């Protein structure tokens, strides 16, 4: 494991099409598993700070539970208002059974 990456989960601990909050470098990050791959974006909605991991995941789109902003978990891009600012996207890799996310 490189210093730039932080272990956040066991690869088998997250079910397909699910998500959870993890901490990376002291920041809350949304970790999602879709199609056998892991993705990570900032977990604090850029609109008013809602916890994205408490929202709904459909395909690759997460909907914030507070005001309905929608983001693509593969890129952090906004796909539905009211948010206008994308979420930070994090590089993810799997080594053995560990899911690692690159610190920003």
PDB file of N, CA and C in Angstrom:
ATOM      1  N   UNK A   1       0.838  -1.190   0.000  1.00  0.00           N
ATOM      2  CA  UNK A   1       0.000   0.000   0.000  1.00  0.00           C
ATOM      3  C   UNK A   1       0.874   1.241   0.000  1.00  0.00           C
ATOM      4  N   UNK A   2       0.588   2.142  -0.917  1.00  0.00           N
ATOM      5  CA  UNK A   2       1.326   3.393  -0.955  1.00  0.00           C
ATOM      6  C   UNK A   2       0.807   4.364   0.078  1.00  0.00           C
ATOM      7  N   UNK A   3       1.634   5.353   0.421  1.00  0.00           N
ATOM      8  CA  UNK A   3       1.242   6.349   1.408  1.00  0.00           C
ATOM      9  C   UNK A   3       0.065   7.187   0.937  1.00  0.00           C
ATOM     10  N   UNK A   4      -0.110   7.319  -0.371  1.00  0.00           N
ATOM     11  CA  UNK A   4      -1.180   8.151  -0.903  1.00  0.00           C
ATOM     12  C   UNK A   4      -2.544   7.485  -0.825  1.00  0.00           C
ATOM     13  N   UNK A   5      -2.564   6.179  -0.589  1.00  0.00           N
ATOM     14  CA  UNK A   5      -3.821   5.447  -0.521  1.00  0.00           C
ATOM     15  C   UNK A   5      -4.110   5.035   0.912  1.00  0.00           C
ATOM     16  N   UNK A   6      -5.400   5.030   1.244  1.00  0.00           N
ATOM     17  CA  UNK A   6      -5.830   4.623   2.577  1.00  0.00           C
ATOM     18  C   UNK A   6      -6.789   3.448   2.442  1.00  0.00           C
ATOM     19  N   UNK A   7      -6.570   2.420   3.267  1.00  0.00           N
ATOM     20  CA  UNK A   7      -7.483   1.265   3.257  1.00  0.00           C
ATOM     21  C   UNK A   7      -8.793   1.704   3.901  1.00  0.00           C
ATOM     22  N   UNK A   8      -9.911   1.437   3.202  1.00  0.00           N
ATOM     23  CA  UNK A   8     -11.204   1.898   3.712  1.00  0.00           C
ATOM     24  C   UNK A   8     -12.198   0.771   3.969  1.00  0.00           C
ATOM     25  N   UNK A   9     -11.974  -0.385   3.356  1.00  0.00           N
ATOM     26  CA  UNK A   9     -12.937  -1.473   3.514  1.00  0.00           C
ATOM     27  C   UNK A   9     -12.358  -2.786   3.025  1.00  0.00           C
ATOM     28  N   UNK A  10     -13.016  -3.860   3.424  1.00  0.00           N
ATOM     29  CA  UNK A  10     -12.728  -5.174   2.887  1.00  0.00           C
ATOM     30  C   UNK A  10     -13.563  -5.310   1.614  1.00  0.00           C
ATOM     31  N   UNK A  11     -12.974  -5.799   0.548  1.00  0.00           N
ATOM     32  CA  UNK A  11     -13.663  -5.875  -0.741  1.00  0.00           C
ATOM     33  C   UNK A  11     -14.955  -6.675  -0.665  1.00  0.00           C
ATOM     34  N   UNK A  12     -15.030  -7.641   0.216  1.00  0.00           N
ATOM     35  CA  UNK A  12     -16.240  -8.457   0.346  1.00  0.00           C
ATOM     36  C   UNK A  12     -17.281  -7.880   1.276  1.00  0.00           C
ATOM     37  N   UNK A  13     -16.974  -6.770   1.915  1.00  0.00           N
ATOM     38  CA  UNK A  13     -17.888  -6.194   2.905  1.00  0.00           C
ATOM     39  C   UNK A  13     -18.994  -5.343   2.300  1.00  0.00           C
ATOM     40  N   UNK A  14     -18.866  -4.978   1.029  1.00  0.00           N
ATOM     41  CA  UNK A  14     -19.868  -4.131   0.389  1.00  0.00           C
ATOM     42  C   UNK A  14     -20.599  -4.939  -0.677  1.00  0.00           C
ATOM     43  N   UNK A  15     -21.923  -4.986  -0.566  1.00  0.00           N
ATOM     44  CA  UNK A  15     -22.733  -5.715  -1.545  1.00  0.00           C
ATOM     45  C   UNK A  15     -22.790  -4.959  -2.860  1.00  0.00           C
ATOM     46  N   UNK A  16     -23.069  -5.684  -3.927  1.00  0.00           N
ATOM     47  CA  UNK A  16     -23.254  -5.087  -5.248  1.00  0.00           C
ATOM     48  C   UNK A  16     -24.400  -4.072  -5.192  1.00  0.00           C
ATOM     49  N   UNK A  17     -24.231  -2.951  -5.895  1.00  0.00           N
ATOM     50  CA  UNK A  17     -25.220  -1.871  -5.967  1.00  0.00           C
ATOM     51  C   UNK A  17     -25.523  -1.274  -4.596  1.00  0.00           C
ATOM     52  N   UNK A  18     -24.486  -1.190  -3.750  1.00  0.00           N
ATOM     53  CA  UNK A  18     -24.663  -0.575  -2.443  1.00  0.00           C
ATOM     54  C   UNK A  18     -23.588   0.477  -2.227  1.00  0.00           C
ATOM     55  N   UNK A  19     -23.758   1.253  -1.155  1.00  0.00           N
ATOM     56  CA  UNK A  19     -22.815   2.326  -0.859  1.00  0.00           C
ATOM     57  C   UNK A  19     -22.766   2.545   0.644  1.00  0.00           C
ATOM     58  N   UNK A  20     -21.659   3.163   1.078  1.00  0.00           N
ATOM     59  CA  UNK A  20     -21.515   3.506   2.489  1.00  0.00           C
ATOM     60  C   UNK A  20     -20.507   4.624   2.624  1.00  0.00           C
ATOM     61  N   UNK A  21     -20.535   5.279   3.783  1.00  0.00           N
ATOM     62  CA  UNK A  21     -19.559   6.326   4.057  1.00  0.00           C
ATOM     63  C   UNK A  21     -18.298   5.698   4.642  1.00  0.00           C
ATOM     64  N   UNK A  22     -17.145   6.162   4.157  1.00  0.00           N
ATOM     65  CA  UNK A  22     -15.845   5.804   4.716  1.00  0.00           C
ATOM     66  C   UNK A  22     -15.083   7.108   4.938  1.00  0.00           C
ATOM     67  N   UNK A  23     -14.009   7.052   5.687  1.00  0.00           N
ATOM     68  CA  UNK A  23     -13.197   8.239   5.925  1.00  0.00           C
ATOM     69  C   UNK A  23     -11.865   8.085   5.200  1.00  0.00           C
ATOM     70  N   UNK A  24     -11.479   9.128   4.467  1.00  0.00           N
ATOM     71  CA  UNK A  24     -10.217   9.138   3.734  1.00  0.00           C
ATOM     72  C   UNK A  24      -9.507  10.439   4.056  1.00  0.00           C
ATOM     73  N   UNK A  25      -8.362  10.328   4.724  1.00  0.00           N
ATOM     74  CA  UNK A  25      -7.641  11.530   5.109  1.00  0.00           C
ATOM     75  C   UNK A  25      -8.477  12.441   5.991  1.00  0.00           C
ATOM     76  N   UNK A  26      -9.355  11.851   6.802  1.00  0.00           N
ATOM     77  CA  UNK A  26     -10.202  12.617   7.697  1.00  0.00           C
ATOM     78  C   UNK A  26     -11.435  13.226   7.036  1.00  0.00           C
ATOM     79  N   UNK A  27     -11.671  12.906   5.754  1.00  0.00           N
ATOM     80  CA  UNK A  27     -12.824  13.450   5.026  1.00  0.00           C
ATOM     81  C   UNK A  27     -13.847  12.351   4.758  1.00  0.00           C
ATOM     82  N   UNK A  28     -15.154  12.668   4.883  1.00  0.00           N
ATOM     83  CA  UNK A  28     -16.177  11.676   4.578  1.00  0.00           C
ATOM     84  C   UNK A  28     -16.288  11.450   3.073  1.00  0.00           C
ATOM     85  N   UNK A  29     -16.223  10.182   2.688  1.00  0.00           N
ATOM     86  CA  UNK A  29     -16.236   9.787   1.282  1.00  0.00           C
ATOM     87  C   UNK A  29     -17.301   8.717   1.092  1.00  0.00           C
ATOM     88  N   UNK A  30     -18.041   8.812  -0.017  1.00  0.00           N
ATOM     89  CA  UNK A  30     -19.026   7.805  -0.381  1.00  0.00           C
ATOM     90  C   UNK A  30     -18.317   6.724  -1.187  1.00  0.00           C
ATOM     91  N   UNK A  31     -18.407   5.488  -0.726  1.00  0.00           N
ATOM     92  CA  UNK A  31     -17.844   4.343  -1.442  1.00  0.00           C
ATOM     93  C   UNK A  31     -19.004   3.536  -1.990  1.00  0.00           C
ATOM     94  N   UNK A  32     -18.997   3.282  -3.302  1.00  0.00           N
ATOM     95  CA  UNK A  32     -20.066   2.524  -3.942  1.00  0.00           C
ATOM     96  C   UNK A  32     -19.480   1.359  -4.724  1.00  0.00           C
ATOM     97  N   UNK A  33     -20.246   0.270  -4.790  1.00  0.00           N
ATOM     98  CA  UNK A  33     -19.846  -0.904  -5.574  1.00  0.00           C
ATOM     99  C   UNK A  33     -20.902  -1.136  -6.651  1.00  0.00           C
ATOM    100  N   UNK A  34     -20.466  -1.019  -7.914  1.00  0.00           N
ATOM    101  CA  UNK A  34     -21.370  -1.165  -9.053  1.00  0.00           C
ATOM    102  C   UNK A  34     -20.667  -1.994 -10.120  1.00  0.00           C
ATOM    103  N   UNK A  35     -21.305  -3.043 -10.560  1.00  0.00           N
ATOM    104  CA  UNK A  35     -20.717  -3.889 -11.594  1.00  0.00           C
ATOM    105  C   UNK A  35     -19.401  -4.513 -11.177  1.00  0.00           C
ATOM    106  N   UNK A  36     -19.269  -4.790  -9.880  1.00  0.00           N
ATOM    107  CA  UNK A  36     -18.049  -5.388  -9.366  1.00  0.00           C
ATOM    108  C   UNK A  36     -16.896  -4.414  -9.175  1.00  0.00           C
ATOM    109  N   UNK A  37     -17.104  -3.140  -9.518  1.00  0.00           N
ATOM    110  CA  UNK A  37     -16.068  -2.114  -9.352  1.00  0.00           C
ATOM    111  C   UNK A  37     -16.450  -1.169  -8.224  1.00  0.00           C
ATOM    112  N   UNK A  38     -15.425  -0.579  -7.626  1.00  0.00           N
ATOM    113  CA  UNK A  38     -15.635   0.379  -6.545  1.00  0.00           C
ATOM    114  C   UNK A  38     -15.394   1.795  -7.054  1.00  0.00           C
ATOM    115  N   UNK A  39     -16.222   2.728  -6.573  1.00  0.00           N
ATOM    116  CA  UNK A  39     -16.111   4.148  -6.920  1.00  0.00           C
ATOM    117  C   UNK A  39     -16.196   4.952  -5.636  1.00  0.00           C
ATOM    118  N   UNK A  40     -15.551   6.123  -5.637  1.00  0.00           N
ATOM    119  CA  UNK A  40     -15.571   6.977  -4.450  1.00  0.00           C
ATOM    120  C   UNK A  40     -15.688   8.439  -4.860  1.00  0.00           C
ATOM    121  N   UNK A  41     -16.646   9.134  -4.221  1.00  0.00           N
ATOM    122  CA  UNK A  41     -16.806  10.576  -4.399  1.00  0.00           C
ATOM    123  C   UNK A  41     -17.026  11.189  -3.015  1.00  0.00           C
ATOM    124  N   UNK A  42     -16.891  12.497  -2.926  1.00  0.00           N
ATOM    125  CA  UNK A  42     -17.164  13.166  -1.660  1.00  0.00           C
ATOM    126  C   UNK A  42     -18.564  12.832  -1.172  1.00  0.00           C
ATOM    127  N   UNK A  43     -18.718  12.602   0.120  1.00  0.00           N
ATOM    128  CA  UNK A  43     -20.012  12.198   0.674  1.00  0.00           C
ATOM    129  C   UNK A  43     -20.861  13.378   1.115  1.00  0.00           C
ATOM    130  N   UNK A  44     -20.287  14.587   1.170  1.00  0.00           N
ATOM    131  CA  UNK A  44     -21.020  15.768   1.620  1.00  0.00           C
ATOM    132  C   UNK A  44     -21.521  16.512   0.383  1.00  0.00           C
ATOM    133  N   UNK A  45     -22.832  16.520   0.172  1.00  0.00           N
ATOM    134  CA  UNK A  45     -23.422  17.127  -1.017  1.00  0.00           C
ATOM    135  C   UNK A  45     -22.971  18.572  -1.177  1.00  0.00           C
ATOM    136  N   UNK A  46     -22.586  18.924  -2.395  1.00  0.00           N
ATOM    137  CA  UNK A  46     -22.097  20.277  -2.677  1.00  0.00           C
ATOM    138  C   UNK A  46     -23.206  21.329  -2.626  1.00  0.00           C
ATOM    139  N   UNK A  47     -24.448  20.902  -2.535  1.00  0.00           N
ATOM    140  CA  UNK A  47     -25.560  21.857  -2.476  1.00  0.00           C
ATOM    141  C   UNK A  47     -25.683  22.447  -1.071  1.00  0.00           C
ATOM    142  N   UNK A  48     -26.037  21.617  -0.075  1.00  0.00           N
ATOM    143  CA  UNK A  48     -26.189  22.113   1.292  1.00  0.00           C
ATOM    144  C   UNK A  48     -25.598  21.148   2.314  1.00  0.00           C
ATOM    145  N   UNK A  49     -24.797  20.189   1.867  1.00  0.00           N
ATOM    146  CA  UNK A  49     -24.077  19.338   2.807  1.00  0.00           C
ATOM    147  C   UNK A  49     -24.760  18.061   3.228  1.00  0.00           C
ATOM    148  N   UNK A  50     -25.771  17.614   2.509  1.00  0.00           N
ATOM    149  CA  UNK A  50     -26.446  16.364   2.860  1.00  0.00           C
ATOM    150  C   UNK A  50     -25.528  15.158   2.735  1.00  0.00           C
ATOM    151  N   UNK A  51     -25.798  14.107   3.520  1.00  0.00           N
ATOM    152  CA  UNK A  51     -24.988  12.882   3.481  1.00  0.00           C
ATOM    153  C   UNK A  51     -25.412  11.988   2.314  1.00  0.00           C
ATOM    154  N   UNK A  52     -24.649  11.993   1.237  1.00  0.00           N
ATOM    155  CA  UNK A  52     -25.031  11.240   0.044  1.00  0.00           C
ATOM    156  C   UNK A  52     -25.199   9.747   0.305  1.00  0.00           C
ATOM    157  N   UNK A  53     -24.406   9.200   1.229  1.00  0.00           N
ATOM    158  CA  UNK A  53     -24.500   7.761   1.502  1.00  0.00           C
ATOM    159  C   UNK A  53     -25.848   7.374   2.112  1.00  0.00           C
ATOM    160  N   UNK A  54     -26.615   8.352   2.591  1.00  0.00           N
ATOM    161  CA  UNK A  54     -27.963   8.086   3.105  1.00  0.00           C
ATOM    162  C   UNK A  54     -29.017   8.198   2.003  1.00  0.00           C
ATOM    163  N   UNK A  55     -28.577   8.539   0.797  1.00  0.00           N
ATOM    164  CA  UNK A  55     -29.493   8.716  -0.320  1.00  0.00           C
ATOM    165  C   UNK A  55     -29.792   7.420  -1.039  1.00  0.00           C
ATOM    166  N   UNK A  56     -30.312   7.560  -2.250  1.00  0.00           N
ATOM    167  CA  UNK A  56     -30.726   6.428  -3.065  1.00  0.00           C
ATOM    168  C   UNK A  56     -29.758   6.253  -4.232  1.00  0.00           C
ATOM    169  N   UNK A  57     -29.368   5.008  -4.507  1.00  0.00           N
ATOM    170  CA  UNK A  57     -28.477   4.698  -5.622  1.00  0.00           C
ATOM    171  C   UNK A  57     -29.259   3.935  -6.684  1.00  0.00           C
ATOM    172  N   UNK A  58     -29.333   4.515  -7.897  1.00  0.00           N
ATOM    173  CA  UNK A  58     -29.963   3.846  -9.029  1.00  0.00           C
ATOM    174  C   UNK A  58     -28.961   3.843 -10.171  1.00  0.00           C
ATOM    175  N   UNK A  59     -28.525   2.663 -10.576  1.00  0.00           N
ATOM    176  CA  UNK A  59     -27.466   2.572 -11.579  1.00  0.00           C
ATOM    177  C   UNK A  59     -26.201   3.184 -11.012  1.00  0.00           C
ATOM    178  N   UNK A  60     -25.695   4.225 -11.667  1.00  0.00           N
ATOM    179  CA  UNK A  60     -24.502   4.915 -11.155  1.00  0.00           C
ATOM    180  C   UNK A  60     -24.851   6.277 -10.566  1.00  0.00           C
ATOM    181  N   UNK A  61     -26.142   6.545 -10.377  1.00  0.00           N
ATOM    182  CA  UNK A  61     -26.587   7.862  -9.908  1.00  0.00           C
ATOM    183  C   UNK A  61     -27.040   7.792  -8.460  1.00  0.00           C
ATOM    184  N   UNK A  62     -26.446   8.662  -7.618  1.00  0.00           N
ATOM    185  CA  UNK A  62     -26.872   8.786  -6.227  1.00  0.00           C
ATOM    186  C   UNK A  62     -27.692  10.066  -6.106  1.00  0.00           C
ATOM    187  N   UNK A  63     -28.797   9.968  -5.349  1.00  0.00           N
ATOM    188  CA  UNK A  63     -29.664  11.112  -5.107  1.00  0.00           C
ATOM    189  C   UNK A  63     -29.527  11.525  -3.651  1.00  0.00           C
ATOM    190  N   UNK A  64     -29.219  12.792  -3.411  1.00  0.00           N
ATOM    191  CA  UNK A  64     -29.073  13.305  -2.051  1.00  0.00           C
ATOM    192  C   UNK A  64     -30.424  13.230  -1.333  1.00  0.00           C
ATOM    193  N   UNK A  65     -30.422  12.745  -0.087  1.00  0.00           N
ATOM    194  CA  UNK A  65     -31.687  12.611   0.638  1.00  0.00           C
ATOM    195  C   UNK A  65     -32.275  13.951   1.089  1.00  0.00           C
ATOM    196  N   UNK A  66     -31.498  15.015   1.090  1.00  0.00           N
ATOM    197  CA  UNK A  66     -32.008  16.294   1.596  1.00  0.00           C
ATOM    198  C   UNK A  66     -32.808  17.082   0.562  1.00  0.00           C
ATOM    199  N   UNK A  67     -32.253  17.316  -0.620  1.00  0.00           N
ATOM    200  CA  UNK A  67     -32.932  18.163  -1.604  1.00  0.00           C
ATOM    201  C   UNK A  67     -32.980  17.565  -3.003  1.00  0.00           C
ATOM    202  N   UNK A  68     -32.518  16.320  -3.157  1.00  0.00           N
ATOM    203  CA  UNK A  68     -32.672  15.628  -4.426  1.00  0.00           C
ATOM    204  C   UNK A  68     -31.603  15.870  -5.479  1.00  0.00           C
ATOM    205  N   UNK A  69     -30.498  16.543  -5.120  1.00  0.00           N
ATOM    206  CA  UNK A  69     -29.400  16.689  -6.086  1.00  0.00           C
ATOM    207  C   UNK A  69     -28.938  15.295  -6.497  1.00  0.00           C
ATOM    208  N   UNK A  70     -28.525  15.163  -7.765  1.00  0.00           N
ATOM    209  CA  UNK A  70     -28.117  13.855  -8.279  1.00  0.00           C
ATOM    210  C   UNK A  70     -26.702  13.939  -8.845  1.00  0.00           C
ATOM    211  N   UNK A  71     -25.903  12.911  -8.521  1.00  0.00           N
ATOM    212  CA  UNK A  71     -24.505  12.858  -8.937  1.00  0.00           C
ATOM    213  C   UNK A  71     -24.185  11.481  -9.500  1.00  0.00           C
ATOM    214  N   UNK A  72     -23.288  11.447 -10.479  1.00  0.00           N
ATOM    215  CA  UNK A  72     -22.775  10.191 -11.020  1.00  0.00           C
ATOM    216  C   UNK A  72     -21.608   9.755 -10.131  1.00  0.00           C
ATOM    217  N   UNK A  73     -21.742   8.593  -9.492  1.00  0.00           N
ATOM    218  CA  UNK A  73     -20.695   8.137  -8.570  1.00  0.00           C
ATOM    219  C   UNK A  73     -19.415   7.730  -9.289  1.00  0.00           C
ATOM    220  N   UNK A  74     -19.468   7.542 -10.620  1.00  0.00           N
ATOM    221  CA  UNK A  74     -18.256   7.172 -11.349  1.00  0.00           C
ATOM    222  C   UNK A  74     -17.369   8.382 -11.635  1.00  0.00           C
ATOM    223  N   UNK A  75     -17.940   9.589 -11.563  1.00  0.00           N
ATOM    224  CA  UNK A  75     -17.173  10.791 -11.907  1.00  0.00           C
ATOM    225  C   UNK A  75     -17.360  11.953 -10.941  1.00  0.00           C
ATOM    226  N   UNK A  76     -18.425  11.926 -10.149  1.00  0.00           N
ATOM    227  CA  UNK A  76     -18.747  13.046  -9.259  1.00  0.00           C
ATOM    228  C   UNK A  76     -19.532  14.151  -9.943  1.00  0.00           C
ATOM    229  N   UNK A  77     -19.798  14.011 -11.249  1.00  0.00           N
ATOM    230  CA  UNK A  77     -20.490  15.055 -12.001  1.00  0.00           C
ATOM    231  C   UNK A  77     -21.949  15.200 -11.562  1.00  0.00           C
ATOM    232  N   UNK A  78     -22.435  16.442 -11.575  1.00  0.00           N
ATOM    233  CA  UNK A  78     -23.834  16.729 -11.282  1.00  0.00           C
ATOM    234  C   UNK A  78     -24.677  16.273 -12.471  1.00  0.00           C
ATOM    235  N   UNK A  79     -25.734  15.511 -12.194  1.00  0.00           N
ATOM    236  CA  UNK A  79     -26.652  15.108 -13.259  1.00  0.00           C
ATOM    237  C   UNK A  79     -28.074  15.591 -12.988  1.00  0.00           C
ATOM    238  N   UNK A  80     -28.283  16.245 -11.839  1.00  0.00           N
ATOM    239  CA  UNK A  80     -29.590  16.796 -11.519  1.00  0.00           C
ATOM    240  C   UNK A  80     -29.502  17.832 -10.427  1.00  0.00           C
ATOM    241  N   UNK A  81     -30.223  18.965 -10.597  1.00  0.00           N
ATOM    242  CA  UNK A  81     -30.188  20.055  -9.627  1.00  0.00           C
ATOM    243  C   UNK A  81     -30.889  19.669  -8.321  1.00  0.00           C
ATOM    244  N   UNK A  82     -30.738  20.481  -7.278  1.00  0.00           N
ATOM    245  CA  UNK A  82     -30.277  21.862  -7.301  1.00  0.00           C
ATOM    246  C   UNK A  82     -28.758  22.054  -7.248  1.00  0.00           C
ATOM    247  N   UNK A  83     -27.982  21.022  -6.973  1.00  0.00           N
ATOM    248  CA  UNK A  83     -26.517  21.188  -6.925  1.00  0.00           C
ATOM    249  C   UNK A  83     -25.994  21.635  -8.288  1.00  0.00           C
ATOM    250  N   UNK A  84     -24.952  22.442  -8.265  1.00  0.00           N
ATOM    251  CA  UNK A  84     -24.297  22.886  -9.496  1.00  0.00           C
ATOM    252  C   UNK A  84     -22.819  22.509  -9.525  1.00  0.00           C
ATOM    253  N   UNK A  85     -22.270  22.221  -8.355  1.00  0.00           N
ATOM    254  CA  UNK A  85     -20.845  21.916  -8.233  1.00  0.00           C
ATOM    255  C   UNK A  85     -20.649  20.407  -8.118  1.00  0.00           C
ATOM    256  N   UNK A  86     -19.773  19.829  -8.944  1.00  0.00           N
ATOM    257  CA  UNK A  86     -19.539  18.381  -8.862  1.00  0.00           C
ATOM    258  C   UNK A  86     -18.908  17.971  -7.531  1.00  0.00           C
ATOM    259  N   UNK A  87     -19.052  16.707  -7.215  1.00  0.00           N
ATOM    260  CA  UNK A  87     -18.410  16.129  -6.037  1.00  0.00           C
ATOM    261  C   UNK A  87     -16.976  15.754  -6.399  1.00  0.00           C
ATOM    262  N   UNK A  88     -16.048  15.873  -5.450  1.00  0.00           N
ATOM    263  CA  UNK A  88     -14.696  15.404  -5.750  1.00  0.00           C
ATOM    264  C   UNK A  88     -14.704  13.888  -5.954  1.00  0.00           C
ATOM    265  N   UNK A  89     -14.020  13.436  -6.988  1.00  0.00           N
ATOM    266  CA  UNK A  89     -13.907  12.000  -7.267  1.00  0.00           C
ATOM    267  C   UNK A  89     -12.546  11.514  -6.782  1.00  0.00           C
ATOM    268  N   UNK A  90     -12.529  10.330  -6.228  1.00  0.00           N
ATOM    269  CA  UNK A  90     -11.309   9.745  -5.676  1.00  0.00           C
ATOM    270  C   UNK A  90     -10.925   8.510  -6.470  1.00  0.00           C
ATOM    271  N   UNK A  91      -9.622   8.307  -6.636  1.00  0.00           N
ATOM    272  CA  UNK A  91      -9.117   7.102  -7.273  1.00  0.00           C
ATOM    273  C   UNK A  91      -9.254   5.936  -6.302  1.00  0.00           C
ATOM    274  N   UNK A  92      -9.729   4.801  -6.807  1.00  0.00           N
ATOM    275  CA  UNK A  92      -9.940   3.607  -5.989  1.00  0.00           C
ATOM    276  C   UNK A  92      -9.184   2.436  -6.617  1.00  0.00           C
ATOM    277  N   UNK A  93      -8.591   1.611  -5.772  1.00  0.00           N
ATOM    278  CA  UNK A  93      -7.987   0.369  -6.259  1.00  0.00           C
ATOM    279  C   UNK A  93      -8.212  -0.721  -5.230  1.00  0.00           C
ATOM    280  N   UNK A  94      -8.142  -1.958  -5.705  1.00  0.00           N
ATOM    281  CA  UNK A  94      -8.294  -3.120  -4.837  1.00  0.00           C
ATOM    282  C   UNK A  94      -6.981  -3.876  -4.851  1.00  0.00           C
ATOM    283  N   UNK A  95      -6.454  -4.141  -3.674  1.00  0.00           N
ATOM    284  CA  UNK A  95      -5.241  -4.952  -3.518  1.00  0.00           C
ATOM    285  C   UNK A  95      -5.583  -6.109  -2.603  1.00  0.00           C
ATOM    286  N   UNK A  96      -5.572  -7.312  -3.150  1.00  0.00           N
ATOM    287  CA  UNK A  96      -5.981  -8.470  -2.360  1.00  0.00           C
ATOM    288  C   UNK A  96      -7.443  -8.310  -1.989  1.00  0.00           C
ATOM    289  N   UNK A  97      -7.729  -8.297  -0.701  1.00  0.00           N
ATOM    290  CA  UNK A  97      -9.106  -8.134  -0.249  1.00  0.00           C
ATOM    291  C   UNK A  97      -9.379  -6.721   0.276  1.00  0.00           C
ATOM    292  N   UNK A  98      -8.419  -5.816   0.092  1.00  0.00           N
ATOM    293  CA  UNK A  98      -8.560  -4.446   0.615  1.00  0.00           C
ATOM    294  C   UNK A  98      -8.967  -3.457  -0.470  1.00  0.00           C
ATOM    295  N   UNK A  99      -9.927  -2.597  -0.124  1.00  0.00           N
ATOM    296  CA  UNK A  99     -10.313  -1.488  -0.985  1.00  0.00           C
ATOM    297  C   UNK A  99      -9.533  -0.263  -0.495  1.00  0.00           C
ATOM    298  N   UNK A 100      -8.797   0.365  -1.426  1.00  0.00           N
ATOM    299  CA  UNK A 100      -7.971   1.521  -1.087  1.00  0.00           C
ATOM    300  C   UNK A 100      -8.451   2.741  -1.859  1.00  0.00           C
ATOM    301  N   UNK A 101      -8.482   3.888  -1.193  1.00  0.00           N
ATOM    302  CA  UNK A 101      -8.884   5.134  -1.829  1.00  0.00           C
ATOM    303  C   UNK A 101      -7.745   6.125  -1.681  1.00  0.00           C
ATOM    304  N   UNK A 102      -7.444   6.810  -2.792  1.00  0.00           N
ATOM    305  CA  UNK A 102      -6.347   7.787  -2.793  1.00  0.00           C
ATOM    306  C   UNK A 102      -6.763   9.052  -2.067  1.00  0.00           C
ATOM    307  N   UNK A 103      -5.894   9.506  -1.160  1.00  0.00           N
ATOM    308  CA  UNK A 103      -6.150  10.748  -0.429  1.00  0.00           C
ATOM    309  C   UNK A 103      -6.032  11.933  -1.378  1.00  0.00           C
ATOM    310  N   UNK A 104      -6.783  12.982  -1.099  1.00  0.00           N
ATOM    311  CA  UNK A 104      -6.753  14.198  -1.920  1.00  0.00           C
ATOM    312  C   UNK A 104      -6.097  15.305  -1.159  1.00  0.00           C
TER     313      UNK A 104
END
